Amino acid sequence: MKPEYKQEFLHTCKDDAKELLEMHYDEIALNKDKIKLNPDWESYHTLEELGKLSIFTVRDNGKLVGYFVLLVSNSLHHADHVYAINDIIYVHPDYRKGFLGIRLIKFAESCLKKDGVSIIMINTTMHKDFGKILSRIGYNPIETVHSKYIGE
C-alpha cells in the first residue's frame, strides 16, 4: 500500500467518512446511551466556507482510512497567531501499525504552516490516549479537560 495524503473539502470526503465516523464513535465515545452520533453538517459547511475548517485525509487505493479535522482561527488571546485545534482525528485500526497516523499529522502540519498557522493543538481522550506518540513528534501536554454529563 502506498497511502495518499490529501487536504480535502467536506464535499469530497463527507460520504466516504461516514463508516469511519461510526467506527470512531463506537471506539471513543462515552455516554453513548445519552449522546448519539449526529454531526452538525451545516455548521461544518459554514466553517469551511469561512475558511475556519481544515480537513486532512489518508486513503488506501481511494478508500478513506484516516482523517484529521481542525478548526482554524486567530487566537483571541494572541491576535498575531493562528491556531489550529483538532476537532477529530482517527485512523482505521487496520492501519495503525507503522507511521501512517504520524505521517497524517506531519502532512497536516506542513499544509497548515503554509496557511499561516503557528500553533496546532491536538487533544486525546484519557481512555484512548496517544499522548506518548504526540510527545515523540514534538507536542507538549498543556492542560487537562474535565467533562460531566448534565443532560436529562
N, C-alpha and C. Protein backbone atom coordinates (compact mmCIF):
# COMPACT_ATOMS: atom_id res chain seq x y z
N MET A 1 0.83 -1.18 0.00
CA MET A 1 0.00 0.00 0.00
C MET A 1 0.87 1.24 0.00
N LYS A 2 0.53 2.15 -0.87
CA LYS A 2 1.16 3.47 -0.83
C LYS A 2 0.05 4.46 -0.47
N PRO A 3 0.04 4.89 0.78
CA PRO A 3 -1.04 5.79 1.20
C PRO A 3 -0.94 7.14 0.49
N GLU A 4 -2.10 7.73 0.28
CA GLU A 4 -2.18 9.05 -0.34
C GLU A 4 -2.74 10.03 0.68
N TYR A 5 -1.93 11.03 1.02
CA TYR A 5 -2.32 12.06 1.97
C TYR A 5 -2.82 13.27 1.20
N LYS A 6 -3.97 13.81 1.64
CA LYS A 6 -4.57 14.94 0.92
C LYS A 6 -5.15 15.95 1.89
N GLN A 7 -5.22 17.19 1.43
CA GLN A 7 -6.07 18.17 2.08
C GLN A 7 -7.34 18.19 1.25
N GLU A 8 -8.47 17.94 1.88
CA GLU A 8 -9.72 17.81 1.14
C GLU A 8 -10.76 18.82 1.63
N PHE A 9 -11.85 18.85 0.90
CA PHE A 9 -13.00 19.66 1.28
C PHE A 9 -14.10 18.71 1.73
N LEU A 10 -15.02 19.24 2.50
CA LEU A 10 -16.09 18.42 3.05
C LEU A 10 -16.84 17.64 1.97
N HIS A 11 -17.13 18.29 0.85
CA HIS A 11 -17.89 17.61 -0.20
C HIS A 11 -17.11 16.47 -0.86
N THR A 12 -15.78 16.45 -0.72
CA THR A 12 -15.00 15.37 -1.35
C THR A 12 -14.80 14.17 -0.43
N CYS A 13 -15.10 14.34 0.88
CA CYS A 13 -14.83 13.23 1.79
C CYS A 13 -15.97 12.88 2.75
N LYS A 14 -17.00 13.71 2.80
CA LYS A 14 -18.09 13.50 3.77
C LYS A 14 -18.72 12.13 3.63
N ASP A 15 -19.13 11.75 2.44
CA ASP A 15 -19.78 10.45 2.25
C ASP A 15 -18.82 9.30 2.58
N ASP A 16 -17.56 9.45 2.18
CA ASP A 16 -16.56 8.42 2.46
C ASP A 16 -16.27 8.28 3.95
N ALA A 17 -16.49 9.35 4.70
CA ALA A 17 -16.14 9.36 6.12
C ALA A 17 -17.19 8.71 7.01
N LYS A 18 -18.37 8.49 6.53
CA LYS A 18 -19.46 8.02 7.40
C LYS A 18 -19.14 6.70 8.10
N GLU A 19 -18.57 5.74 7.40
CA GLU A 19 -18.21 4.46 8.02
C GLU A 19 -17.14 4.66 9.10
N LEU A 20 -16.12 5.45 8.78
CA LEU A 20 -15.07 5.73 9.77
C LEU A 20 -15.61 6.50 10.97
N LEU A 21 -16.53 7.43 10.73
CA LEU A 21 -17.12 8.18 11.84
C LEU A 21 -17.85 7.25 12.81
N GLU A 22 -18.57 6.27 12.26
CA GLU A 22 -19.26 5.29 13.10
C GLU A 22 -18.26 4.47 13.91
N MET A 23 -17.19 4.02 13.26
CA MET A 23 -16.15 3.26 13.97
C MET A 23 -15.51 4.11 15.06
N HIS A 24 -15.22 5.35 14.73
CA HIS A 24 -14.61 6.29 15.66
C HIS A 24 -15.52 6.47 16.88
N TYR A 25 -16.78 6.73 16.63
CA TYR A 25 -17.76 6.90 17.70
C TYR A 25 -17.84 5.64 18.58
N ASP A 26 -17.94 4.48 17.94
CA ASP A 26 -18.03 3.22 18.70
C ASP A 26 -16.81 3.00 19.59
N GLU A 27 -15.65 3.40 19.11
CA GLU A 27 -14.41 3.18 19.85
C GLU A 27 -14.16 4.21 20.94
N ILE A 28 -14.51 5.45 20.70
CA ILE A 28 -14.08 6.55 21.57
C ILE A 28 -15.18 7.11 22.46
N ALA A 29 -16.40 7.20 21.97
CA ALA A 29 -17.45 7.96 22.66
C ALA A 29 -17.80 7.40 24.04
N LEU A 30 -18.08 8.32 24.94
CA LEU A 30 -18.61 7.99 26.26
C LEU A 30 -20.08 8.39 26.27
N ASN A 31 -20.82 7.90 27.22
CA ASN A 31 -22.25 8.24 27.37
C ASN A 31 -23.05 7.94 26.11
N LYS A 32 -22.73 6.83 25.43
CA LYS A 32 -23.41 6.50 24.18
C LYS A 32 -24.91 6.31 24.35
N ASP A 33 -25.34 5.94 25.54
CA ASP A 33 -26.76 5.76 25.79
C ASP A 33 -27.50 7.09 25.81
N LYS A 34 -26.77 8.19 26.00
CA LYS A 34 -27.38 9.52 26.10
C LYS A 34 -27.00 10.44 24.95
N ILE A 35 -25.80 10.26 24.40
CA ILE A 35 -25.29 11.15 23.36
C ILE A 35 -25.02 10.33 22.10
N LYS A 36 -25.86 10.52 21.10
CA LYS A 36 -25.75 9.77 19.85
C LYS A 36 -24.89 10.53 18.84
N LEU A 37 -24.30 9.79 17.94
CA LEU A 37 -23.54 10.41 16.85
C LEU A 37 -24.52 11.14 15.94
N ASN A 38 -24.32 12.44 15.78
CA ASN A 38 -25.22 13.24 14.97
C ASN A 38 -24.48 14.50 14.52
N PRO A 39 -23.55 14.38 13.56
CA PRO A 39 -22.76 15.54 13.13
C PRO A 39 -23.64 16.69 12.64
N ASP A 40 -23.24 17.89 12.98
CA ASP A 40 -23.92 19.11 12.52
C ASP A 40 -23.27 19.52 11.20
N TRP A 41 -23.67 18.85 10.12
CA TRP A 41 -23.03 19.06 8.82
C TRP A 41 -23.18 20.51 8.35
N GLU A 42 -24.29 21.14 8.67
CA GLU A 42 -24.49 22.53 8.25
C GLU A 42 -23.42 23.44 8.87
N SER A 43 -23.12 23.23 10.15
CA SER A 43 -22.08 24.04 10.80
C SER A 43 -20.70 23.74 10.22
N TYR A 44 -20.43 22.47 9.91
CA TYR A 44 -19.16 22.13 9.27
C TYR A 44 -19.04 22.87 7.93
N HIS A 45 -20.11 22.86 7.14
CA HIS A 45 -20.07 23.55 5.85
C HIS A 45 -19.86 25.05 6.04
N THR A 46 -20.53 25.63 7.03
CA THR A 46 -20.37 27.07 7.29
C THR A 46 -18.93 27.38 7.69
N LEU A 47 -18.37 26.60 8.58
CA LEU A 47 -16.97 26.81 9.00
C LEU A 47 -16.03 26.70 7.80
N GLU A 48 -16.28 25.73 6.94
CA GLU A 48 -15.43 25.58 5.76
C GLU A 48 -15.55 26.80 4.85
N GLU A 49 -16.77 27.29 4.64
CA GLU A 49 -16.98 28.47 3.80
C GLU A 49 -16.25 29.69 4.36
N LEU A 50 -16.14 29.75 5.69
CA LEU A 50 -15.47 30.87 6.35
C LEU A 50 -13.95 30.69 6.42
N GLY A 51 -13.46 29.58 5.90
CA GLY A 51 -12.02 29.31 5.94
C GLY A 51 -11.54 28.90 7.32
N LYS A 52 -12.44 28.36 8.13
CA LYS A 52 -12.12 28.01 9.51
C LYS A 52 -12.08 26.50 9.75
N LEU A 53 -12.13 25.71 8.69
CA LEU A 53 -12.11 24.26 8.82
C LEU A 53 -11.07 23.70 7.86
N SER A 54 -10.18 22.86 8.39
CA SER A 54 -9.19 22.19 7.54
C SER A 54 -9.36 20.68 7.72
N ILE A 55 -9.41 19.98 6.60
CA ILE A 55 -9.61 18.53 6.61
C ILE A 55 -8.44 17.87 5.90
N PHE A 56 -7.82 16.92 6.59
CA PHE A 56 -6.71 16.16 6.01
C PHE A 56 -7.10 14.70 6.06
N THR A 57 -6.77 13.98 4.99
CA THR A 57 -7.16 12.58 4.90
C THR A 57 -5.99 11.73 4.45
N VAL A 58 -6.14 10.44 4.71
CA VAL A 58 -5.23 9.46 4.14
C VAL A 58 -6.10 8.37 3.54
N ARG A 59 -5.75 7.98 2.32
CA ARG A 59 -6.52 6.98 1.58
C ARG A 59 -5.61 5.86 1.11
N ASP A 60 -6.19 4.68 1.05
CA ASP A 60 -5.53 3.49 0.52
C ASP A 60 -6.29 3.08 -0.73
N ASN A 61 -5.67 3.26 -1.89
CA ASN A 61 -6.34 2.97 -3.17
C ASN A 61 -7.71 3.63 -3.24
N GLY A 62 -7.79 4.87 -2.80
CA GLY A 62 -9.03 5.64 -2.86
C GLY A 62 -9.92 5.49 -1.64
N LYS A 63 -9.71 4.44 -0.84
CA LYS A 63 -10.56 4.21 0.34
C LYS A 63 -10.05 5.06 1.50
N LEU A 64 -10.95 5.83 2.11
CA LEU A 64 -10.60 6.65 3.25
C LEU A 64 -10.28 5.76 4.45
N VAL A 65 -9.06 5.91 4.99
CA VAL A 65 -8.64 5.09 6.14
C VAL A 65 -8.25 5.96 7.34
N GLY A 66 -8.25 7.28 7.17
CA GLY A 66 -7.94 8.16 8.28
C GLY A 66 -8.29 9.59 7.96
N TYR A 67 -8.60 10.35 9.02
CA TYR A 67 -8.89 11.77 8.85
C TYR A 67 -8.38 12.56 10.04
N PHE A 68 -8.15 13.83 9.80
CA PHE A 68 -7.68 14.77 10.82
C PHE A 68 -8.36 16.09 10.47
N VAL A 69 -9.30 16.51 11.32
CA VAL A 69 -10.10 17.70 11.07
C VAL A 69 -9.79 18.72 12.15
N LEU A 70 -9.49 19.95 11.72
CA LEU A 70 -9.11 21.01 12.66
C LEU A 70 -9.93 22.27 12.43
N LEU A 71 -10.16 22.99 13.52
CA LEU A 71 -10.78 24.30 13.47
C LEU A 71 -9.66 25.33 13.49
N VAL A 72 -9.67 26.26 12.56
CA VAL A 72 -8.58 27.21 12.39
C VAL A 72 -9.09 28.63 12.63
N SER A 73 -8.39 29.35 13.51
CA SER A 73 -8.79 30.74 13.75
C SER A 73 -7.67 31.50 14.44
N ASN A 74 -7.78 32.83 14.35
CA ASN A 74 -6.85 33.67 15.11
C ASN A 74 -7.15 33.46 16.59
N SER A 75 -6.12 33.49 17.37
CA SER A 75 -6.27 33.35 18.81
C SER A 75 -6.90 34.61 19.39
N LEU A 76 -7.85 34.43 20.29
CA LEU A 76 -8.46 35.58 20.96
C LEU A 76 -7.48 36.22 21.94
N HIS A 77 -6.51 35.44 22.40
CA HIS A 77 -5.53 35.95 23.36
C HIS A 77 -4.24 36.44 22.71
N HIS A 78 -3.98 35.96 21.51
CA HIS A 78 -2.73 36.28 20.81
C HIS A 78 -3.08 36.57 19.35
N ALA A 79 -3.52 37.79 19.08
CA ALA A 79 -4.06 38.15 17.77
C ALA A 79 -3.08 37.95 16.62
N ASP A 80 -1.80 37.88 16.93
CA ASP A 80 -0.81 37.70 15.86
C ASP A 80 -0.52 36.24 15.57
N HIS A 81 -1.33 35.33 16.12
CA HIS A 81 -1.13 33.89 15.88
C HIS A 81 -2.42 33.23 15.42
N VAL A 82 -2.27 32.30 14.50
CA VAL A 82 -3.38 31.49 14.03
C VAL A 82 -3.23 30.10 14.66
N TYR A 83 -4.30 29.65 15.28
CA TYR A 83 -4.31 28.34 15.93
C TYR A 83 -5.12 27.36 15.10
N ALA A 84 -4.70 26.11 15.11
CA ALA A 84 -5.47 25.01 14.53
C ALA A 84 -5.70 24.03 15.67
N ILE A 85 -6.96 23.84 16.02
CA ILE A 85 -7.32 22.99 17.15
C ILE A 85 -8.10 21.81 16.61
N ASN A 86 -7.62 20.60 16.96
CA ASN A 86 -8.25 19.44 16.35
C ASN A 86 -9.68 19.25 16.83
N ASP A 87 -10.52 18.93 15.88
CA ASP A 87 -11.90 18.55 16.14
C ASP A 87 -11.94 17.04 16.30
N ILE A 88 -11.46 16.34 15.30
CA ILE A 88 -11.40 14.88 15.34
C ILE A 88 -10.18 14.38 14.59
N ILE A 89 -9.67 13.27 15.08
CA ILE A 89 -8.57 12.59 14.39
C ILE A 89 -8.81 11.10 14.58
N TYR A 90 -8.68 10.35 13.49
CA TYR A 90 -8.94 8.91 13.58
C TYR A 90 -8.25 8.19 12.43
N VAL A 91 -7.71 7.03 12.75
CA VAL A 91 -7.13 6.13 11.75
C VAL A 91 -7.76 4.76 11.97
N HIS A 92 -8.21 4.16 10.89
CA HIS A 92 -8.81 2.83 10.94
C HIS A 92 -7.86 1.88 11.68
N PRO A 93 -8.37 1.05 12.59
CA PRO A 93 -7.49 0.15 13.36
C PRO A 93 -6.56 -0.72 12.52
N ASP A 94 -7.00 -1.12 11.34
CA ASP A 94 -6.15 -1.96 10.47
C ASP A 94 -4.92 -1.22 9.94
N TYR A 95 -4.90 0.10 10.09
CA TYR A 95 -3.82 0.92 9.52
C TYR A 95 -2.98 1.60 10.60
N ARG A 96 -3.11 1.17 11.83
CA ARG A 96 -2.40 1.84 12.92
C ARG A 96 -0.97 1.37 13.14
N LYS A 97 -0.59 0.28 12.56
CA LYS A 97 0.81 -0.15 12.69
C LYS A 97 1.65 0.71 11.76
N GLY A 98 2.87 0.94 12.17
CA GLY A 98 3.73 1.78 11.35
C GLY A 98 3.51 3.25 11.66
N PHE A 99 3.73 4.08 10.67
CA PHE A 99 3.75 5.52 10.89
C PHE A 99 2.66 6.28 10.13
N LEU A 100 1.63 5.59 9.67
CA LEU A 100 0.59 6.23 8.87
C LEU A 100 -0.05 7.40 9.61
N GLY A 101 -0.41 7.22 10.88
CA GLY A 101 -1.03 8.30 11.65
C GLY A 101 -0.09 9.47 11.87
N ILE A 102 1.16 9.16 12.18
CA ILE A 102 2.16 10.22 12.35
C ILE A 102 2.36 10.98 11.05
N ARG A 103 2.39 10.26 9.95
CA ARG A 103 2.56 10.92 8.64
C ARG A 103 1.36 11.80 8.31
N LEU A 104 0.16 11.37 8.73
CA LEU A 104 -1.02 12.20 8.52
C LEU A 104 -0.89 13.52 9.30
N ILE A 105 -0.45 13.43 10.53
CA ILE A 105 -0.25 14.64 11.34
C ILE A 105 0.84 15.51 10.73
N LYS A 106 1.94 14.92 10.33
CA LYS A 106 3.05 15.69 9.73
C LYS A 106 2.61 16.36 8.42
N PHE A 107 1.83 15.65 7.63
CA PHE A 107 1.32 16.23 6.39
C PHE A 107 0.45 17.44 6.71
N ALA A 108 -0.44 17.30 7.69
CA ALA A 108 -1.30 18.42 8.09
C ALA A 108 -0.46 19.59 8.59
N GLU A 109 0.56 19.30 9.40
CA GLU A 109 1.45 20.35 9.90
C GLU A 109 2.04 21.16 8.75
N SER A 110 2.52 20.46 7.75
CA SER A 110 3.15 21.11 6.60
C SER A 110 2.16 22.03 5.88
N CYS A 111 0.97 21.53 5.63
CA CYS A 111 -0.06 22.33 4.94
C CYS A 111 -0.49 23.52 5.79
N LEU A 112 -0.71 23.27 7.09
CA LEU A 112 -1.17 24.34 7.98
C LEU A 112 -0.11 25.44 8.12
N LYS A 113 1.15 25.04 8.16
CA LYS A 113 2.23 26.03 8.25
C LYS A 113 2.20 26.95 7.03
N LYS A 114 2.00 26.36 5.85
CA LYS A 114 1.91 27.16 4.62
C LYS A 114 0.71 28.11 4.66
N ASP A 115 -0.34 27.71 5.41
CA ASP A 115 -1.54 28.53 5.53
C ASP A 115 -1.43 29.58 6.64
N GLY A 116 -0.26 29.66 7.29
CA GLY A 116 -0.05 30.68 8.31
C GLY A 116 -0.36 30.27 9.73
N VAL A 117 -0.65 29.01 9.95
CA VAL A 117 -0.91 28.53 11.31
C VAL A 117 0.41 28.46 12.07
N SER A 118 0.40 28.92 13.32
CA SER A 118 1.62 28.85 14.12
C SER A 118 1.51 27.88 15.30
N ILE A 119 0.30 27.53 15.71
CA ILE A 119 0.10 26.61 16.83
C ILE A 119 -0.93 25.56 16.43
N ILE A 120 -0.58 24.29 16.65
CA ILE A 120 -1.53 23.19 16.46
C ILE A 120 -1.77 22.56 17.83
N MET A 121 -3.03 22.36 18.14
CA MET A 121 -3.40 21.72 19.40
C MET A 121 -4.18 20.45 19.09
N ILE A 122 -3.72 19.34 19.69
CA ILE A 122 -4.38 18.04 19.49
C ILE A 122 -4.77 17.50 20.86
N ASN A 123 -6.05 17.20 21.02
CA ASN A 123 -6.49 16.60 22.27
C ASN A 123 -6.63 15.09 22.08
N THR A 124 -6.44 14.37 23.18
CA THR A 124 -6.65 12.92 23.18
C THR A 124 -7.58 12.59 24.34
N THR A 125 -8.27 11.47 24.23
CA THR A 125 -9.10 11.04 25.33
C THR A 125 -8.25 10.27 26.33
N MET A 126 -8.65 10.29 27.58
CA MET A 126 -7.90 9.59 28.62
C MET A 126 -7.93 8.07 28.39
N HIS A 127 -9.05 7.56 27.87
CA HIS A 127 -9.20 6.11 27.70
C HIS A 127 -8.62 5.59 26.38
N LYS A 128 -8.25 6.47 25.49
CA LYS A 128 -7.59 6.08 24.23
C LYS A 128 -6.48 7.08 23.94
N ASP A 129 -5.65 7.30 24.93
CA ASP A 129 -4.61 8.33 24.87
C ASP A 129 -3.48 7.93 23.92
N PHE A 130 -3.11 8.85 23.05
CA PHE A 130 -1.93 8.66 22.22
C PHE A 130 -0.94 9.81 22.43
N GLY A 131 -0.96 10.35 23.65
CA GLY A 131 -0.09 11.45 24.01
C GLY A 131 1.39 11.13 23.92
N LYS A 132 1.77 9.87 24.18
CA LYS A 132 3.19 9.50 24.08
C LYS A 132 3.68 9.65 22.65
N ILE A 133 2.84 9.29 21.71
CA ILE A 133 3.20 9.45 20.29
C ILE A 133 3.35 10.93 19.97
N LEU A 134 2.38 11.73 20.43
CA LEU A 134 2.45 13.17 20.18
C LEU A 134 3.70 13.78 20.79
N SER A 135 4.05 13.35 22.00
CA SER A 135 5.28 13.87 22.64
C SER A 135 6.51 13.55 21.81
N ARG A 136 6.55 12.34 21.22
CA ARG A 136 7.69 11.94 20.40
C ARG A 136 7.86 12.80 19.15
N ILE A 137 6.75 13.42 18.69
CA ILE A 137 6.86 14.25 17.48
C ILE A 137 6.77 15.74 17.82
N GLY A 138 7.05 16.06 19.09
CA GLY A 138 7.24 17.46 19.45
C GLY A 138 6.07 18.17 20.12
N TYR A 139 4.98 17.49 20.39
CA TYR A 139 3.84 18.12 21.07
C TYR A 139 4.03 18.04 22.58
N ASN A 140 3.57 19.07 23.27
CA ASN A 140 3.69 19.13 24.72
C ASN A 140 2.31 19.14 25.35
N PRO A 141 2.12 18.35 26.41
CA PRO A 141 0.83 18.42 27.12
C PRO A 141 0.70 19.78 27.81
N ILE A 142 -0.48 20.40 27.70
CA ILE A 142 -0.62 21.74 28.26
C ILE A 142 -1.77 21.89 29.25
N GLU A 143 -2.75 21.02 29.19
CA GLU A 143 -3.85 21.13 30.14
C GLU A 143 -4.64 19.82 30.18
N THR A 144 -5.47 19.71 31.18
CA THR A 144 -6.38 18.58 31.31
C THR A 144 -7.80 19.14 31.24
N VAL A 145 -8.66 18.48 30.51
CA VAL A 145 -10.05 18.91 30.38
C VAL A 145 -10.92 17.92 31.13
N HIS A 146 -11.87 18.44 31.87
CA HIS A 146 -12.80 17.60 32.61
C HIS A 146 -14.20 17.80 32.02
N SER A 147 -14.99 16.74 31.98
CA SER A 147 -16.36 16.88 31.50
C SER A 147 -17.31 16.17 32.42
N LYS A 148 -18.57 16.59 32.38
CA LYS A 148 -19.61 15.98 33.19
C LYS A 148 -20.90 16.06 32.39
N TYR A 149 -21.58 14.95 32.25
CA TYR A 149 -22.86 14.94 31.57
C TYR A 149 -23.93 15.48 32.52
N ILE A 150 -24.61 16.56 32.13
CA ILE A 150 -25.64 17.14 32.98
C ILE A 150 -27.00 17.18 32.29
N GLY A 151 -27.09 16.52 31.14
CA GLY A 151 -28.37 16.45 30.44
C GLY A 151 -29.34 15.53 31.15
N GLU A 152 -30.47 15.36 30.56
CA GLU A 152 -31.50 14.52 31.19
C GLU A 152 -31.36 13.07 30.79
